[in-house]
Amino acid sequence: MAFGSFDRKTSSQPMAEINMVPLIDVVLVLLVIFIVTAPLLTNAVKLDLPKATSSADLQKPDKIEFAIDPTGSLFWNGERIEREEAIKRFTEAGAKRPQPEVYLRADQNVPYRHVAEMLADASKAGLSKVAFVSEPKR
């Protein structure tokens, strides 16, 4: 860093370097101020709160086993149903709180159309928890 020069050519030009020392000094002063004042800001009001106990309300949602066999037949918890009945049951299940979880088991040879229809029906009924069930690879 050059603060001055005896060269007449460059003496008329302004200094183009930023002097960082004053900036560092300001940052260090602010740091010390914050370190000193931070413990003073943690004053808490002392209260004598009442003691109470409660149990958690852990309601497990119902589980719906929905299956589609290779022929496209629909099964609700093992009971064979038609699509209109499935739509009606999805609507009833969508109104429950907590919402039931739908476990979809579809045969690998089922056309995707049947799976997409089932997902659309469940979505229209307001069911958002749909899980795909598969067999692990051996």
Protein backbone atom coordinates (compact mmCIF):
# COMPACT_ATOMS: atom_id res chain seq x y z
CA MET A 1 0.00 0.00 0.00
CA ALA A 2 1.40 3.31 -1.00
CA PHE A 3 0.36 6.31 1.06
CA GLY A 4 2.48 8.83 -0.67
CA SER A 5 4.92 9.10 -3.49
CA PHE A 6 7.64 11.43 -4.63
CA ASP A 7 6.70 10.79 -8.24
CA ARG A 8 4.96 13.83 -9.75
CA LYS A 9 3.09 11.79 -12.42
CA THR A 10 1.06 9.64 -10.04
CA SER A 11 0.66 12.17 -7.24
CA SER A 12 -2.34 13.84 -8.88
CA GLN A 13 -4.30 10.56 -9.19
CA PRO A 14 -6.60 9.48 -6.35
CA MET A 15 -5.70 6.40 -4.35
CA ALA A 16 -7.64 3.39 -5.78
CA GLU A 17 -7.17 1.00 -2.85
CA ILE A 18 -9.71 0.59 -0.04
CA ASN A 19 -8.27 0.99 3.41
CA MET A 20 -9.62 -2.03 5.33
CA VAL A 21 -8.19 -1.19 8.76
CA PRO A 22 -11.01 1.19 9.84
CA LEU A 23 -13.64 -1.30 8.64
CA ILE A 24 -12.04 -4.11 10.65
CA ASP A 25 -11.89 -1.87 13.71
CA VAL A 26 -15.61 -1.08 13.45
CA VAL A 27 -16.51 -4.78 13.06
CA LEU A 28 -14.41 -5.73 16.09
CA VAL A 29 -16.00 -3.00 18.22
CA LEU A 30 -19.48 -4.18 17.20
CA LEU A 31 -18.53 -7.77 17.98
CA VAL A 32 -17.38 -6.82 21.48
CA ILE A 33 -20.58 -4.82 22.06
CA PHE A 34 -22.77 -7.77 21.02
CA ILE A 35 -20.76 -10.21 23.15
CA VAL A 36 -21.20 -7.99 26.20
CA THR A 37 -24.89 -7.18 25.68
CA ALA A 38 -26.15 -10.65 24.62
CA PRO A 39 -26.21 -12.12 28.14
CA LEU A 40 -28.09 -9.06 29.40
CA LEU A 41 -30.96 -9.67 26.96
CA THR A 42 -31.79 -13.13 28.31
CA ASN A 43 -33.72 -12.01 31.37
CA ALA A 44 -36.66 -14.31 32.03
CA VAL A 45 -39.73 -13.78 34.15
CA LYS A 46 -39.86 -16.27 36.99
CA LEU A 47 -43.26 -17.96 37.10
CA ASP A 48 -44.71 -20.70 39.23
CA LEU A 49 -46.65 -22.65 36.61
CA PRO A 50 -49.28 -25.23 37.54
CA LYS A 51 -48.42 -28.91 37.11
CA ALA A 52 -50.59 -30.96 34.75
CA THR A 53 -50.36 -34.22 32.90
CA SER A 54 -52.08 -35.43 29.78
CA SER A 55 -51.82 -38.38 27.48
CA ALA A 56 -51.14 -37.99 23.82
CA ASP A 57 -54.07 -38.56 21.52
CA LEU A 58 -52.58 -41.13 19.20
CA GLN A 59 -55.37 -42.24 16.93
CA LYS A 60 -54.10 -44.61 14.32
CA PRO A 61 -55.78 -44.09 10.97
CA ASP A 62 -57.77 -46.92 9.44
CA LYS A 63 -56.10 -49.06 6.84
CA ILE A 64 -57.80 -49.82 3.53
CA GLU A 65 -56.42 -52.72 1.49
CA PHE A 66 -57.37 -52.01 -2.12
CA ALA A 67 -56.41 -54.63 -4.70
CA ILE A 68 -56.70 -54.93 -8.47
CA ASP A 69 -56.31 -58.41 -9.95
CA PRO A 70 -55.05 -59.21 -13.51
CA THR A 71 -58.58 -59.08 -14.95
CA GLY A 72 -59.18 -55.56 -13.55
CA SER A 73 -61.50 -56.67 -10.72
CA LEU A 74 -61.46 -54.41 -7.67
CA PHE A 75 -61.23 -55.63 -4.07
CA TRP A 76 -61.84 -53.56 -0.91
CA ASN A 77 -60.27 -55.31 2.10
CA GLY A 78 -60.69 -58.64 0.29
CA GLU A 79 -64.31 -58.01 -0.76
CA ARG A 80 -64.96 -57.83 -4.52
CA ILE A 81 -66.69 -54.57 -5.48
CA GLU A 82 -67.57 -52.59 -8.61
CA ARG A 83 -66.05 -49.21 -9.46
CA GLU A 84 -69.20 -47.27 -8.47
CA GLU A 85 -69.14 -48.91 -5.03
CA ALA A 86 -65.42 -48.09 -4.72
CA ILE A 87 -66.12 -44.43 -5.51
CA LYS A 88 -68.84 -44.36 -2.85
CA ARG A 89 -66.56 -45.97 -0.26
CA PHE A 90 -63.69 -43.61 -1.13
CA THR A 91 -66.03 -40.65 -0.56
CA GLU A 92 -67.08 -42.02 2.84
CA ALA A 93 -63.46 -42.69 3.80
CA GLY A 94 -62.38 -39.20 2.67
CA ALA A 95 -64.79 -37.64 5.17
CA LYS A 96 -63.29 -39.52 8.15
CA ARG A 97 -60.78 -37.91 10.50
CA PRO A 98 -58.03 -39.02 10.67
CA GLN A 99 -58.00 -39.99 7.04
CA PRO A 100 -57.48 -43.70 6.39
CA GLU A 101 -54.41 -44.94 4.59
CA VAL A 102 -55.03 -46.72 1.29
CA TYR A 103 -52.67 -49.58 0.44
CA LEU A 104 -52.89 -50.34 -3.28
CA ARG A 105 -51.95 -53.82 -4.44
CA ALA A 106 -52.08 -54.10 -8.22
CA ASP A 107 -51.01 -57.14 -10.20
CA GLN A 108 -48.08 -56.43 -12.49
CA ASN A 109 -50.17 -57.44 -15.52
CA VAL A 110 -52.98 -54.97 -14.78
CA PRO A 111 -53.33 -52.24 -17.42
CA TYR A 112 -52.26 -48.89 -16.04
CA ARG A 113 -55.71 -47.50 -16.86
CA HIS A 114 -57.23 -49.38 -13.90
CA VAL A 115 -54.58 -48.06 -11.50
CA ALA A 116 -54.96 -44.50 -12.81
CA GLU A 117 -58.77 -44.66 -12.42
CA MET A 118 -58.39 -45.85 -8.83
CA LEU A 119 -55.91 -43.06 -8.01
CA ALA A 120 -58.19 -40.45 -9.61
CA ASP A 121 -61.21 -41.71 -7.67
CA ALA A 122 -59.30 -41.64 -4.38
CA SER A 123 -57.98 -38.15 -5.11
CA LYS A 124 -61.45 -36.81 -5.96
CA ALA A 125 -62.72 -38.21 -2.67
CA GLY A 126 -60.03 -36.27 -0.78
CA LEU A 127 -57.79 -39.22 0.13
CA SER A 128 -54.15 -38.21 0.02
CA LYS A 129 -52.43 -41.12 1.75
CA VAL A 130 -52.10 -43.77 -0.94
CA ALA A 131 -49.26 -46.29 -0.79
CA PHE A 132 -48.20 -48.78 -3.44
CA VAL A 133 -47.51 -52.26 -2.09
CA SER A 134 -45.02 -54.48 -3.91
CA GLU A 135 -43.14 -57.71 -3.36
CA PRO A 136 -39.43 -57.46 -2.58
CA LYS A 137 -37.00 -58.78 -5.17
CA ARG A 138 -35.58 -62.18 -4.29
